Each structure stands twice: as C-alpha cells, then as structure tokens.
Amino acid sequence: MSSLPCFWCILKQTCVLEFDGASKGNPRPACAGAVLRTLNGNVICKIRPGLGTATNNAVDYQDFILGLKRALEMGYTGIRPKGDNKLVCMQVYSSVYSIALLNDQCFPSI
C-alpha cells in the first residue's frame, strides 16, 4: 500500500483564493474583499472587512492575508492565489519560488 495521498484527496484540500482591495486615494478610506472557491468555481466563503484608512497596496496585502488565514482555518492545504495587484502577486510568487529552490522542490500552489 502506497504512503502517498490519493490524487482526489489532494484536490479536495485545494482552493482558489481571489482577492482585491480598493482605496479611494493613497492613503484614504479603504476596504478589502476575498473569495475562496473550489477548483470548479463554487464559492466556499466571502470575506469583506472594512480596513479604515490605508494605501491600495496595504489593502491588497490585508485581504490576501485574511484569505490565507481563512483557508487554513477551514483545513485547505493547497491555496492558489489570484489577484490583480502586481506588487503583491510578484512578491508572493517570488517567495514561493525561492522556497521551492531552497528545498529543491516544485510547488504548484502555496
């Protein structure tokens, strides 16, 4: 019997994290939003915190972090982030890529 988890079990533990934030200026009143979805697109949950005054990059980081925390709380171990903030996405990708190189592994999701 193999010690590797089944393919279906891995897919069941994977979700998509879509995140986006908005700031009416830098810094100005801001809000954030994140959605967790199954791999086939069904909504798992929505996260909509008010963040007070913040910059657009700070807002996008906040909703990304809130989405990650919620996914982990719900037991997801594979999280595929999707966002439109280039700074956040490049830093997340760079971090995962660096970790993969250090560990000599390939990570398809965070």
PDB file of N, CA and C in Angstrom:
ATOM      1  N   MET A   1       0.835  -1.178   0.000  1.00  0.00           N
ATOM      2  CA  MET A   1       0.000   0.000   0.000  1.00  0.00           C
ATOM      3  C   MET A   1       0.885   1.249   0.000  1.00  0.00           C
ATOM      4  N   SER A   2       0.574   2.219  -0.844  1.00  0.00           N
ATOM      5  CA  SER A   2       1.371   3.424  -1.004  1.00  0.00           C
ATOM      6  C   SER A   2       1.149   4.392   0.161  1.00  0.00           C
ATOM      7  N   SER A   3       2.217   5.100   0.542  1.00  0.00           N
ATOM      8  CA  SER A   3       2.097   6.094   1.607  1.00  0.00           C
ATOM      9  C   SER A   3       1.742   7.476   1.056  1.00  0.00           C
ATOM     10  N   LEU A   4       1.700   7.608  -0.269  1.00  0.00           N
ATOM     11  CA  LEU A   4       1.330   8.879  -0.874  1.00  0.00           C
ATOM     12  C   LEU A   4      -0.186   9.080  -0.814  1.00  0.00           C
ATOM     13  N   PRO A   5      -0.653  10.324  -0.573  1.00  0.00           N
ATOM     14  CA  PRO A   5      -2.094  10.567  -0.547  1.00  0.00           C
ATOM     15  C   PRO A   5      -2.690  10.421  -1.949  1.00  0.00           C
ATOM     16  N   CYS A   6      -3.941  10.057  -1.996  1.00  0.00           N
ATOM     17  CA  CYS A   6      -4.602   9.889  -3.290  1.00  0.00           C
ATOM     18  C   CYS A   6      -4.769  11.248  -3.972  1.00  0.00           C
ATOM     19  N   PHE A   7      -4.829  11.244  -5.290  1.00  0.00           N
ATOM     20  CA  PHE A   7      -4.969  12.471  -6.073  1.00  0.00           C
ATOM     21  C   PHE A   7      -6.249  13.202  -5.705  1.00  0.00           C
ATOM     22  N   TRP A   8      -7.355  12.496  -5.537  1.00  0.00           N
ATOM     23  CA  TRP A   8      -8.638  13.110  -5.205  1.00  0.00           C
ATOM     24  C   TRP A   8      -8.571  13.800  -3.840  1.00  0.00           C
ATOM     25  N   CYS A   9      -7.876  13.198  -2.871  1.00  0.00           N
ATOM     26  CA  CYS A   9      -7.741  13.801  -1.536  1.00  0.00           C
ATOM     27  C   CYS A   9      -6.988  15.115  -1.611  1.00  0.00           C
ATOM     28  N   ILE A  10      -5.959  15.177  -2.444  1.00  0.00           N
ATOM     29  CA  ILE A  10      -5.192  16.414  -2.597  1.00  0.00           C
ATOM     30  C   ILE A  10      -6.062  17.496  -3.222  1.00  0.00           C
ATOM     31  N   LEU A  11      -6.838  17.154  -4.244  1.00  0.00           N
ATOM     32  CA  LEU A  11      -7.711  18.140  -4.884  1.00  0.00           C
ATOM     33  C   LEU A  11      -8.776  18.652  -3.925  1.00  0.00           C
ATOM     34  N   LYS A  12      -9.304  17.783  -3.068  1.00  0.00           N
ATOM     35  CA  LYS A  12     -10.322  18.208  -2.110  1.00  0.00           C
ATOM     36  C   LYS A  12      -9.762  19.214  -1.112  1.00  0.00           C
ATOM     37  N   GLN A  13      -8.451  19.213  -0.884  1.00  0.00           N
ATOM     38  CA  GLN A  13      -7.832  20.114   0.082  1.00  0.00           C
ATOM     39  C   GLN A  13      -7.279  21.379  -0.577  1.00  0.00           C
ATOM     40  N   THR A  14      -7.586  21.596  -1.847  1.00  0.00           N
ATOM     41  CA  THR A  14      -7.082  22.752  -2.582  1.00  0.00           C
ATOM     42  C   THR A  14      -8.220  23.713  -2.884  1.00  0.00           C
ATOM     43  N   CYS A  15      -7.950  25.006  -2.730  1.00  0.00           N
ATOM     44  CA  CYS A  15      -8.944  26.022  -3.065  1.00  0.00           C
ATOM     45  C   CYS A  15      -8.263  27.163  -3.807  1.00  0.00           C
ATOM     46  N   VAL A  16      -9.075  28.009  -4.406  1.00  0.00           N
ATOM     47  CA  VAL A  16      -8.603  29.199  -5.103  1.00  0.00           C
ATOM     48  C   VAL A  16      -8.951  30.400  -4.230  1.00  0.00           C
ATOM     49  N   LEU A  17      -7.981  31.265  -3.993  1.00  0.00           N
ATOM     50  CA  LEU A  17      -8.184  32.491  -3.230  1.00  0.00           C
ATOM     51  C   LEU A  17      -8.121  33.668  -4.193  1.00  0.00           C
ATOM     52  N   GLU A  18      -9.274  34.307  -4.419  1.00  0.00           N
ATOM     53  CA  GLU A  18      -9.324  35.510  -5.248  1.00  0.00           C
ATOM     54  C   GLU A  18      -9.399  36.699  -4.305  1.00  0.00           C
ATOM     55  N   PHE A  19      -8.532  37.680  -4.486  1.00  0.00           N
ATOM     56  CA  PHE A  19      -8.509  38.822  -3.577  1.00  0.00           C
ATOM     57  C   PHE A  19      -8.363  40.127  -4.343  1.00  0.00           C
ATOM     58  N   ASP A  20      -8.955  41.178  -3.790  1.00  0.00           N
ATOM     59  CA  ASP A  20      -8.849  42.506  -4.377  1.00  0.00           C
ATOM     60  C   ASP A  20      -9.207  43.526  -3.309  1.00  0.00           C
ATOM     61  N   GLY A  21      -8.567  44.651  -3.347  1.00  0.00           N
ATOM     62  CA  GLY A  21      -8.848  45.713  -2.401  1.00  0.00           C
ATOM     63  C   GLY A  21      -9.038  47.020  -3.134  1.00  0.00           C
ATOM     64  N   ALA A  22      -9.568  48.012  -2.424  1.00  0.00           N
ATOM     65  CA  ALA A  22      -9.781  49.319  -3.020  1.00  0.00           C
ATOM     66  C   ALA A  22      -9.483  50.391  -1.994  1.00  0.00           C
ATOM     67  N   SER A  23      -8.836  51.465  -2.467  1.00  0.00           N
ATOM     68  CA  SER A  23      -8.543  52.618  -1.634  1.00  0.00           C
ATOM     69  C   SER A  23      -8.870  53.848  -2.451  1.00  0.00           C
ATOM     70  N   LYS A  24      -9.614  54.774  -1.851  1.00  0.00           N
ATOM     71  CA  LYS A  24     -10.011  55.994  -2.563  1.00  0.00           C
ATOM     72  C   LYS A  24      -8.915  57.033  -2.443  1.00  0.00           C
ATOM     73  N   GLY A  25      -7.726  56.716  -2.957  1.00  0.00           N
ATOM     74  CA  GLY A  25      -6.559  57.567  -2.828  1.00  0.00           C
ATOM     75  C   GLY A  25      -5.491  56.834  -2.032  1.00  0.00           C
ATOM     76  N   ASN A  26      -4.357  57.481  -1.827  1.00  0.00           N
ATOM     77  CA  ASN A  26      -3.252  56.828  -1.106  1.00  0.00           C
ATOM     78  C   ASN A  26      -2.708  57.738  -0.024  1.00  0.00           C
ATOM     79  N   PRO A  27      -2.898  57.521   1.221  1.00  0.00           N
ATOM     80  CA  PRO A  27      -3.897  56.635   1.837  1.00  0.00           C
ATOM     81  C   PRO A  27      -5.240  57.340   1.975  1.00  0.00           C
ATOM     82  N   ARG A  28      -6.283  56.588   1.915  1.00  0.00           N
ATOM     83  CA  ARG A  28      -7.658  57.087   2.040  1.00  0.00           C
ATOM     84  C   ARG A  28      -8.531  55.952   2.569  1.00  0.00           C
ATOM     85  N   PRO A  29      -9.845  56.206   2.714  1.00  0.00           N
ATOM     86  CA  PRO A  29     -10.742  55.126   3.156  1.00  0.00           C
ATOM     87  C   PRO A  29     -10.612  53.914   2.233  1.00  0.00           C
ATOM     88  N   ALA A  30     -10.587  52.730   2.851  1.00  0.00           N
ATOM     89  CA  ALA A  30     -10.304  51.519   2.076  1.00  0.00           C
ATOM     90  C   ALA A  30     -11.158  50.351   2.545  1.00  0.00           C
ATOM     91  N   CYS A  31     -11.328  49.397   1.661  1.00  0.00           N
ATOM     92  CA  CYS A  31     -11.999  48.141   2.012  1.00  0.00           C
ATOM     93  C   CYS A  31     -11.340  47.026   1.210  1.00  0.00           C
ATOM     94  N   ALA A  32     -11.581  45.812   1.643  1.00  0.00           N
ATOM     95  CA  ALA A  32     -10.948  44.665   1.001  1.00  0.00           C
ATOM     96  C   ALA A  32     -11.975  43.569   0.791  1.00  0.00           C
ATOM     97  N   GLY A  33     -11.650  42.650  -0.078  1.00  0.00           N
ATOM     98  CA  GLY A  33     -12.524  41.516  -0.305  1.00  0.00           C
ATOM     99  C   GLY A  33     -11.735  40.321  -0.795  1.00  0.00           C
ATOM    100  N   ALA A  34     -12.162  39.166  -0.347  1.00  0.00           N
ATOM    101  CA  ALA A  34     -11.545  37.924  -0.793  1.00  0.00           C
ATOM    102  C   ALA A  34     -12.635  36.865  -0.915  1.00  0.00           C
ATOM    103  N   VAL A  35     -12.462  35.973  -1.856  1.00  0.00           N
ATOM    104  CA  VAL A  35     -13.408  34.875  -2.075  1.00  0.00           C
ATOM    105  C   VAL A  35     -12.608  33.583  -2.149  1.00  0.00           C
ATOM    106  N   LEU A  36     -13.051  32.594  -1.413  1.00  0.00           N
ATOM    107  CA  LEU A  36     -12.480  31.252  -1.531  1.00  0.00           C
ATOM    108  C   LEU A  36     -13.412  30.439  -2.404  1.00  0.00           C
ATOM    109  N   ARG A  37     -12.839  29.764  -3.402  1.00  0.00           N
ATOM    110  CA  ARG A  37     -13.617  28.945  -4.334  1.00  0.00           C
ATOM    111  C   ARG A  37     -13.028  27.546  -4.414  1.00  0.00           C
ATOM    112  N   THR A  38     -13.885  26.607  -4.766  1.00  0.00           N
ATOM    113  CA  THR A  38     -13.404  25.267  -5.080  1.00  0.00           C
ATOM    114  C   THR A  38     -12.707  25.339  -6.435  1.00  0.00           C
ATOM    115  N   LEU A  39     -12.022  24.288  -6.823  1.00  0.00           N
ATOM    116  CA  LEU A  39     -11.330  24.287  -8.109  1.00  0.00           C
ATOM    117  C   LEU A  39     -12.284  24.385  -9.295  1.00  0.00           C
ATOM    118  N   ASN A  40     -13.542  23.974  -9.108  1.00  0.00           N
ATOM    119  CA  ASN A  40     -14.504  24.091 -10.212  1.00  0.00           C
ATOM    120  C   ASN A  40     -15.293  25.400 -10.148  1.00  0.00           C
ATOM    121  N   GLY A  41     -14.935  26.314  -9.232  1.00  0.00           N
ATOM    122  CA  GLY A  41     -15.523  27.650  -9.229  1.00  0.00           C
ATOM    123  C   GLY A  41     -16.623  27.914  -8.224  1.00  0.00           C
ATOM    124  N   ASN A  42     -17.062  26.919  -7.479  1.00  0.00           N
ATOM    125  CA  ASN A  42     -18.109  27.146  -6.482  1.00  0.00           C
ATOM    126  C   ASN A  42     -17.567  27.979  -5.324  1.00  0.00           C
ATOM    127  N   VAL A  43     -18.379  28.930  -4.851  1.00  0.00           N
ATOM    128  CA  VAL A  43     -17.964  29.792  -3.742  1.00  0.00           C
ATOM    129  C   VAL A  43     -17.996  29.016  -2.433  1.00  0.00           C
ATOM    130  N   ILE A  44     -16.897  29.066  -1.699  1.00  0.00           N
ATOM    131  CA  ILE A  44     -16.811  28.447  -0.378  1.00  0.00           C
ATOM    132  C   ILE A  44     -17.188  29.479   0.673  1.00  0.00           C
ATOM    133  N   CYS A  45     -16.572  30.657   0.603  1.00  0.00           N
ATOM    134  CA  CYS A  45     -16.921  31.744   1.517  1.00  0.00           C
ATOM    135  C   CYS A  45     -16.424  33.072   0.960  1.00  0.00           C
ATOM    136  N   LYS A  46     -16.999  34.166   1.500  1.00  0.00           N
ATOM    137  CA  LYS A  46     -16.609  35.524   1.128  1.00  0.00           C
ATOM    138  C   LYS A  46     -16.117  36.237   2.383  1.00  0.00           C
ATOM    139  N   ILE A  47     -15.094  37.054   2.207  1.00  0.00           N
ATOM    140  CA  ILE A  47     -14.520  37.823   3.310  1.00  0.00           C
ATOM    141  C   ILE A  47     -14.540  39.283   2.882  1.00  0.00           C
ATOM    142  N   ARG A  48     -15.201  40.150   3.683  1.00  0.00           N
ATOM    143  CA  ARG A  48     -15.334  41.556   3.315  1.00  0.00           C
ATOM    144  C   ARG A  48     -15.073  42.470   4.514  1.00  0.00           C
ATOM    145  N   PRO A  49     -13.829  42.630   4.921  1.00  0.00           N
ATOM    146  CA  PRO A  49     -13.559  43.501   6.062  1.00  0.00           C
ATOM    147  C   PRO A  49     -13.437  44.968   5.657  1.00  0.00           C
ATOM    148  N   GLY A  50     -13.840  45.869   6.535  1.00  0.00           N
ATOM    149  CA  GLY A  50     -13.554  47.280   6.355  1.00  0.00           C
ATOM    150  C   GLY A  50     -12.200  47.535   6.990  1.00  0.00           C
ATOM    151  N   LEU A  51     -11.355  48.308   6.347  1.00  0.00           N
ATOM    152  CA  LEU A  51      -9.990  48.475   6.850  1.00  0.00           C
ATOM    153  C   LEU A  51      -9.658  49.890   7.283  1.00  0.00           C
ATOM    154  N   GLY A  52     -10.612  50.798   7.292  1.00  0.00           N
ATOM    155  CA  GLY A  52     -10.302  52.169   7.691  1.00  0.00           C
ATOM    156  C   GLY A  52      -9.501  52.881   6.619  1.00  0.00           C
ATOM    157  N   THR A  53      -8.440  53.548   7.026  1.00  0.00           N
ATOM    158  CA  THR A  53      -7.595  54.295   6.093  1.00  0.00           C
ATOM    159  C   THR A  53      -6.339  53.486   5.774  1.00  0.00           C
ATOM    160  N   ALA A  54      -6.059  53.323   4.484  1.00  0.00           N
ATOM    161  CA  ALA A  54      -4.889  52.542   4.065  1.00  0.00           C
ATOM    162  C   ALA A  54      -4.555  52.857   2.614  1.00  0.00           C
ATOM    163  N   THR A  55      -3.380  52.422   2.174  1.00  0.00           N
ATOM    164  CA  THR A  55      -2.993  52.551   0.765  1.00  0.00           C
ATOM    165  C   THR A  55      -3.516  51.345  -0.013  1.00  0.00           C
ATOM    166  N   ASN A  56      -3.511  51.456  -1.329  1.00  0.00           N
ATOM    167  CA  ASN A  56      -4.023  50.342  -2.140  1.00  0.00           C
ATOM    168  C   ASN A  56      -3.187  49.074  -1.963  1.00  0.00           C
ATOM    169  N   ASN A  57      -1.866  49.201  -1.843  1.00  0.00           N
ATOM    170  CA  ASN A  57      -1.032  48.004  -1.651  1.00  0.00           C
ATOM    171  C   ASN A  57      -1.268  47.379  -0.286  1.00  0.00           C
ATOM    172  N   ALA A  58      -1.403  48.212   0.748  1.00  0.00           N
ATOM    173  CA  ALA A  58      -1.664  47.691   2.097  1.00  0.00           C
ATOM    174  C   ALA A  58      -2.993  46.944   2.129  1.00  0.00           C
ATOM    175  N   VAL A  59      -3.990  47.455   1.433  1.00  0.00           N
ATOM    176  CA  VAL A  59      -5.306  46.813   1.389  1.00  0.00           C
ATOM    177  C   VAL A  59      -5.212  45.457   0.708  1.00  0.00           C
ATOM    178  N   ASP A  60      -4.505  45.381  -0.405  1.00  0.00           N
ATOM    179  CA  ASP A  60      -4.379  44.102  -1.108  1.00  0.00           C
ATOM    180  C   ASP A  60      -3.608  43.079  -0.276  1.00  0.00           C
ATOM    181  N   TYR A  61      -2.570  43.508   0.424  1.00  0.00           N
ATOM    182  CA  TYR A  61      -1.863  42.586   1.324  1.00  0.00           C
ATOM    183  C   TYR A  61      -2.805  42.081   2.415  1.00  0.00           C
ATOM    184  N   GLN A  62      -3.595  43.000   3.002  1.00  0.00           N
ATOM    185  CA  GLN A  62      -4.504  42.609   4.077  1.00  0.00           C
ATOM    186  C   GLN A  62      -5.511  41.566   3.616  1.00  0.00           C
ATOM    187  N   ASP A  63      -6.151  41.781   2.463  1.00  0.00           N
ATOM    188  CA  ASP A  63      -7.160  40.800   2.032  1.00  0.00           C
ATOM    189  C   ASP A  63      -6.518  39.493   1.602  1.00  0.00           C
ATOM    190  N   PHE A  64      -5.309  39.534   1.073  1.00  0.00           N
ATOM    191  CA  PHE A  64      -4.585  38.301   0.755  1.00  0.00           C
ATOM    192  C   PHE A  64      -4.316  37.504   2.037  1.00  0.00           C
ATOM    193  N   ILE A  65      -3.816  38.190   3.068  1.00  0.00           N
ATOM    194  CA  ILE A  65      -3.511  37.531   4.344  1.00  0.00           C
ATOM    195  C   ILE A  65      -4.786  37.002   4.999  1.00  0.00           C
ATOM    196  N   LEU A  66      -5.856  37.805   4.993  1.00  0.00           N
ATOM    197  CA  LEU A  66      -7.127  37.347   5.577  1.00  0.00           C
ATOM    198  C   LEU A  66      -7.653  36.108   4.854  1.00  0.00           C
ATOM    199  N   GLY A  67      -7.543  36.102   3.527  1.00  0.00           N
ATOM    200  CA  GLY A  67      -7.980  34.940   2.752  1.00  0.00           C
ATOM    201  C   GLY A  67      -7.153  33.698   3.054  1.00  0.00           C
ATOM    202  N   LEU A  68      -5.833  33.867   3.181  1.00  0.00           N
ATOM    203  CA  LEU A  68      -4.969  32.737   3.531  1.00  0.00           C
ATOM    204  C   LEU A  68      -5.335  32.176   4.903  1.00  0.00           C
ATOM    205  N   LYS A  69      -5.523  33.065   5.868  1.00  0.00           N
ATOM    206  CA  LYS A  69      -5.873  32.620   7.215  1.00  0.00           C
ATOM    207  C   LYS A  69      -7.184  31.843   7.223  1.00  0.00           C
ATOM    208  N   ARG A  70      -8.191  32.365   6.507  1.00  0.00           N
ATOM    209  CA  ARG A  70      -9.491  31.689   6.473  1.00  0.00           C
ATOM    210  C   ARG A  70      -9.375  30.329   5.811  1.00  0.00           C
ATOM    211  N   ALA A  71      -8.625  30.245   4.712  1.00  0.00           N
ATOM    212  CA  ALA A  71      -8.441  28.959   4.024  1.00  0.00           C
ATOM    213  C   ALA A  71      -7.765  27.946   4.935  1.00  0.00           C
ATOM    214  N   LEU A  72      -6.742  28.377   5.652  1.00  0.00           N
ATOM    215  CA  LEU A  72      -6.045  27.472   6.571  1.00  0.00           C
ATOM    216  C   LEU A  72      -6.956  27.048   7.721  1.00  0.00           C
ATOM    217  N   GLU A  73      -7.753  27.986   8.246  1.00  0.00           N
ATOM    218  CA  GLU A  73      -8.708  27.657   9.316  1.00  0.00           C
ATOM    219  C   GLU A  73      -9.708  26.600   8.855  1.00  0.00           C
ATOM    220  N   MET A  74     -10.055  26.644   7.570  1.00  0.00           N
ATOM    221  CA  MET A  74     -11.025  25.704   7.018  1.00  0.00           C
ATOM    222  C   MET A  74     -10.385  24.380   6.606  1.00  0.00           C
ATOM    223  N   GLY A  75      -9.074  24.251   6.772  1.00  0.00           N
ATOM    224  CA  GLY A  75      -8.404  22.985   6.511  1.00  0.00           C
ATOM    225  C   GLY A  75      -7.812  22.829   5.126  1.00  0.00           C
ATOM    226  N   TYR A  76      -7.773  23.888   4.338  1.00  0.00           N
ATOM    227  CA  TYR A  76      -7.175  23.785   2.999  1.00  0.00           C
ATOM    228  C   TYR A  76      -5.656  23.837   3.110  1.00  0.00           C
ATOM    229  N   THR A  77      -5.000  22.942   2.421  1.00  0.00           N
ATOM    230  CA  THR A  77      -3.544  22.889   2.453  1.00  0.00           C
ATOM    231  C   THR A  77      -2.929  23.327   1.129  1.00  0.00           C
ATOM    232  N   GLY A  78      -3.690  23.363   0.071  1.00  0.00           N
ATOM    233  CA  GLY A  78      -3.256  23.869  -1.226  1.00  0.00           C
ATOM    234  C   GLY A  78      -4.079  25.099  -1.544  1.00  0.00           C
ATOM    235  N   ILE A  79      -3.432  26.254  -1.670  1.00  0.00           N
ATOM    236  CA  ILE A  79      -4.145  27.505  -1.906  1.00  0.00           C
ATOM    237  C   ILE A  79      -3.557  28.156  -3.149  1.00  0.00           C
ATOM    238  N   ARG A  80      -4.419  28.427  -4.124  1.00  0.00           N
ATOM    239  CA  ARG A  80      -3.975  29.051  -5.371  1.00  0.00           C
ATOM    240  C   ARG A  80      -4.448  30.505  -5.376  1.00  0.00           C
ATOM    241  N   PRO A  81      -3.554  31.454  -5.088  1.00  0.00           N
ATOM    242  CA  PRO A  81      -3.963  32.857  -5.028  1.00  0.00           C
ATOM    243  C   PRO A  81      -4.128  33.477  -6.413  1.00  0.00           C
ATOM    244  N   LYS A  82      -5.122  34.363  -6.546  1.00  0.00           N
ATOM    245  CA  LYS A  82      -5.344  35.128  -7.771  1.00  0.00           C
ATOM    246  C   LYS A  82      -5.681  36.552  -7.366  1.00  0.00           C
ATOM    247  N   GLY A  83      -4.915  37.502  -7.874  1.00  0.00           N
ATOM    248  CA  GLY A  83      -5.169  38.901  -7.569  1.00  0.00           C
ATOM    249  C   GLY A  83      -4.682  39.774  -8.705  1.00  0.00           C
ATOM    250  N   ASP A  84      -5.050  41.067  -8.645  1.00  0.00           N
ATOM    251  CA  ASP A  84      -4.661  41.968  -9.726  1.00  0.00           C
ATOM    252  C   ASP A  84      -3.582  42.974  -9.308  1.00  0.00           C
ATOM    253  N   ASN A  85      -3.092  42.886  -8.078  1.00  0.00           N
ATOM    254  CA  ASN A  85      -2.053  43.792  -7.618  1.00  0.00           C
ATOM    255  C   ASN A  85      -0.701  43.177  -7.958  1.00  0.00           C
ATOM    256  N   LYS A  86       0.001  43.790  -8.909  1.00  0.00           N
ATOM    257  CA  LYS A  86       1.253  43.216  -9.399  1.00  0.00           C
ATOM    258  C   LYS A  86       2.296  43.093  -8.287  1.00  0.00           C
ATOM    259  N   LEU A  87       2.379  44.091  -7.402  1.00  0.00           N
ATOM    260  CA  LEU A  87       3.349  44.052  -6.316  1.00  0.00           C
ATOM    261  C   LEU A  87       3.125  42.841  -5.416  1.00  0.00           C
ATOM    262  N   VAL A  88       1.889  42.642  -4.983  1.00  0.00           N
ATOM    263  CA  VAL A  88       1.569  41.512  -4.105  1.00  0.00           C
ATOM    264  C   VAL A  88       1.820  40.190  -4.820  1.00  0.00           C
ATOM    265  N   CYS A  89       1.317  40.057  -6.034  1.00  0.00           N
ATOM    266  CA  CYS A  89       1.452  38.793  -6.770  1.00  0.00           C
ATOM    267  C   CYS A  89       2.911  38.437  -7.032  1.00  0.00           C
ATOM    268  N   MET A  90       3.727  39.421  -7.421  1.00  0.00           N
ATOM    269  CA  MET A  90       5.134  39.140  -7.697  1.00  0.00           C
ATOM    270  C   MET A  90       5.884  38.766  -6.421  1.00  0.00           C
ATOM    271  N   GLN A  91       5.561  39.406  -5.298  1.00  0.00           N
ATOM    272  CA  GLN A  91       6.242  39.070  -4.054  1.00  0.00           C
ATOM    273  C   GLN A  91       5.830  37.693  -3.554  1.00  0.00           C
ATOM    274  N   VAL A  92       4.553  37.348  -3.704  1.00  0.00           N
ATOM    275  CA  VAL A  92       4.095  36.011  -3.303  1.00  0.00           C
ATOM    276  C   VAL A  92       4.749  34.966  -4.197  1.00  0.00           C
ATOM    277  N   TYR A  93       4.736  35.185  -5.509  1.00  0.00           N
ATOM    278  CA  TYR A  93       5.351  34.240  -6.438  1.00  0.00           C
ATOM    279  C   TYR A  93       6.842  34.095  -6.145  1.00  0.00           C
ATOM    280  N   SER A  94       7.525  35.215  -5.923  1.00  0.00           N
ATOM    281  CA  SER A  94       8.954  35.197  -5.653  1.00  0.00           C
ATOM    282  C   SER A  94       9.266  34.421  -4.374  1.00  0.00           C
ATOM    283  N   SER A  95       8.458  34.598  -3.335  1.00  0.00           N
ATOM    284  CA  SER A  95       8.671  33.888  -2.074  1.00  0.00           C
ATOM    285  C   SER A  95       8.505  32.390  -2.256  1.00  0.00           C
ATOM    286  N   VAL A  96       7.450  31.986  -2.937  1.00  0.00           N
ATOM    287  CA  VAL A  96       7.202  30.563  -3.155  1.00  0.00           C
ATOM    288  C   VAL A  96       8.291  29.969  -4.023  1.00  0.00           C
ATOM    289  N   TYR A  97       8.701  30.704  -5.060  1.00  0.00           N
ATOM    290  CA  TYR A  97       9.751  30.226  -5.952  1.00  0.00           C
ATOM    291  C   TYR A  97      11.067  30.058  -5.194  1.00  0.00           C
ATOM    292  N   SER A  98      11.403  31.021  -4.324  1.00  0.00           N
ATOM    293  CA  SER A  98      12.636  30.937  -3.542  1.00  0.00           C
ATOM    294  C   SER A  98      12.606  29.745  -2.596  1.00  0.00           C
ATOM    295  N   ILE A  99      11.481  29.525  -1.942  1.00  0.00           N
ATOM    296  CA  ILE A  99      11.340  28.385  -1.034  1.00  0.00           C
ATOM    297  C   ILE A  99      11.499  27.082  -1.812  1.00  0.00           C
ATOM    298  N   ALA A 100      10.902  27.024  -3.007  1.00  0.00           N
ATOM    299  CA  ALA A 100      10.993  25.818  -3.826  1.00  0.00           C
ATOM    300  C   ALA A 100      12.443  25.542  -4.210  1.00  0.00           C
ATOM    301  N   LEU A 101      13.186  26.584  -4.551  1.00  0.00           N
ATOM    302  CA  LEU A 101      14.595  26.398  -4.914  1.00  0.00           C
ATOM    303  C   LEU A 101      15.409  25.939  -3.713  1.00  0.00           C
ATOM    304  N   LEU A 102      15.159  26.536  -2.550  1.00  0.00           N
ATOM    305  CA  LEU A 102      15.896  26.146  -1.345  1.00  0.00           C
ATOM    306  C   LEU A 102      15.624  24.694  -0.972  1.00  0.00           C
ATOM    307  N   ASN A 103      14.378  24.266  -1.145  1.00  0.00           N
ATOM    308  CA  ASN A 103      14.001  22.911  -0.790  1.00  0.00           C
ATOM    309  C   ASN A 103      14.174  21.925  -1.936  1.00  0.00           C
ATOM    310  N   ASP A 104      14.584  22.433  -3.112  1.00  0.00           N
ATOM    311  CA  ASP A 104      14.748  21.611  -4.293  1.00  0.00           C
ATOM    312  C   ASP A 104      13.451  20.866  -4.622  1.00  0.00           C
ATOM    313  N   GLN A 105      12.348  21.589  -4.519  1.00  0.00           N
ATOM    314  CA  GLN A 105      11.036  21.021  -4.802  1.00  0.00           C
ATOM    315  C   GLN A 105      10.273  21.960  -5.719  1.00  0.00           C
ATOM    316  N   CYS A 106       9.178  21.468  -6.238  1.00  0.00           N
ATOM    317  CA  CYS A 106       8.297  22.273  -7.073  1.00  0.00           C
ATOM    318  C   CYS A 106       6.944  22.383  -6.390  1.00  0.00           C
ATOM    319  N   PHE A 107       6.458  23.588  -6.193  1.00  0.00           N
ATOM    320  CA  PHE A 107       5.161  23.788  -5.540  1.00  0.00           C
ATOM    321  C   PHE A 107       4.163  24.351  -6.557  1.00  0.00           C
ATOM    322  N   PRO A 108       3.123  23.585  -6.927  1.00  0.00           N
ATOM    323  CA  PRO A 108       2.126  24.096  -7.851  1.00  0.00           C
ATOM    324  C   PRO A 108       1.194  25.105  -7.195  1.00  0.00           C
ATOM    325  N   SER A 109       1.085  25.081  -5.874  1.00  0.00           N
ATOM    326  CA  SER A 109       0.276  26.059  -5.143  1.00  0.00           C
ATOM    327  C   SER A 109       0.940  26.305  -3.803  1.00  0.00           C
ATOM    328  N   ILE A 110       0.507  27.352  -3.138  1.00  0.00           N
ATOM    329  CA  ILE A 110       1.125  27.722  -1.856  1.00  0.00           C
ATOM    330  C   ILE A 110       0.725  26.732  -0.784  1.00  0.00           C
TER     331      ILE A 110
END
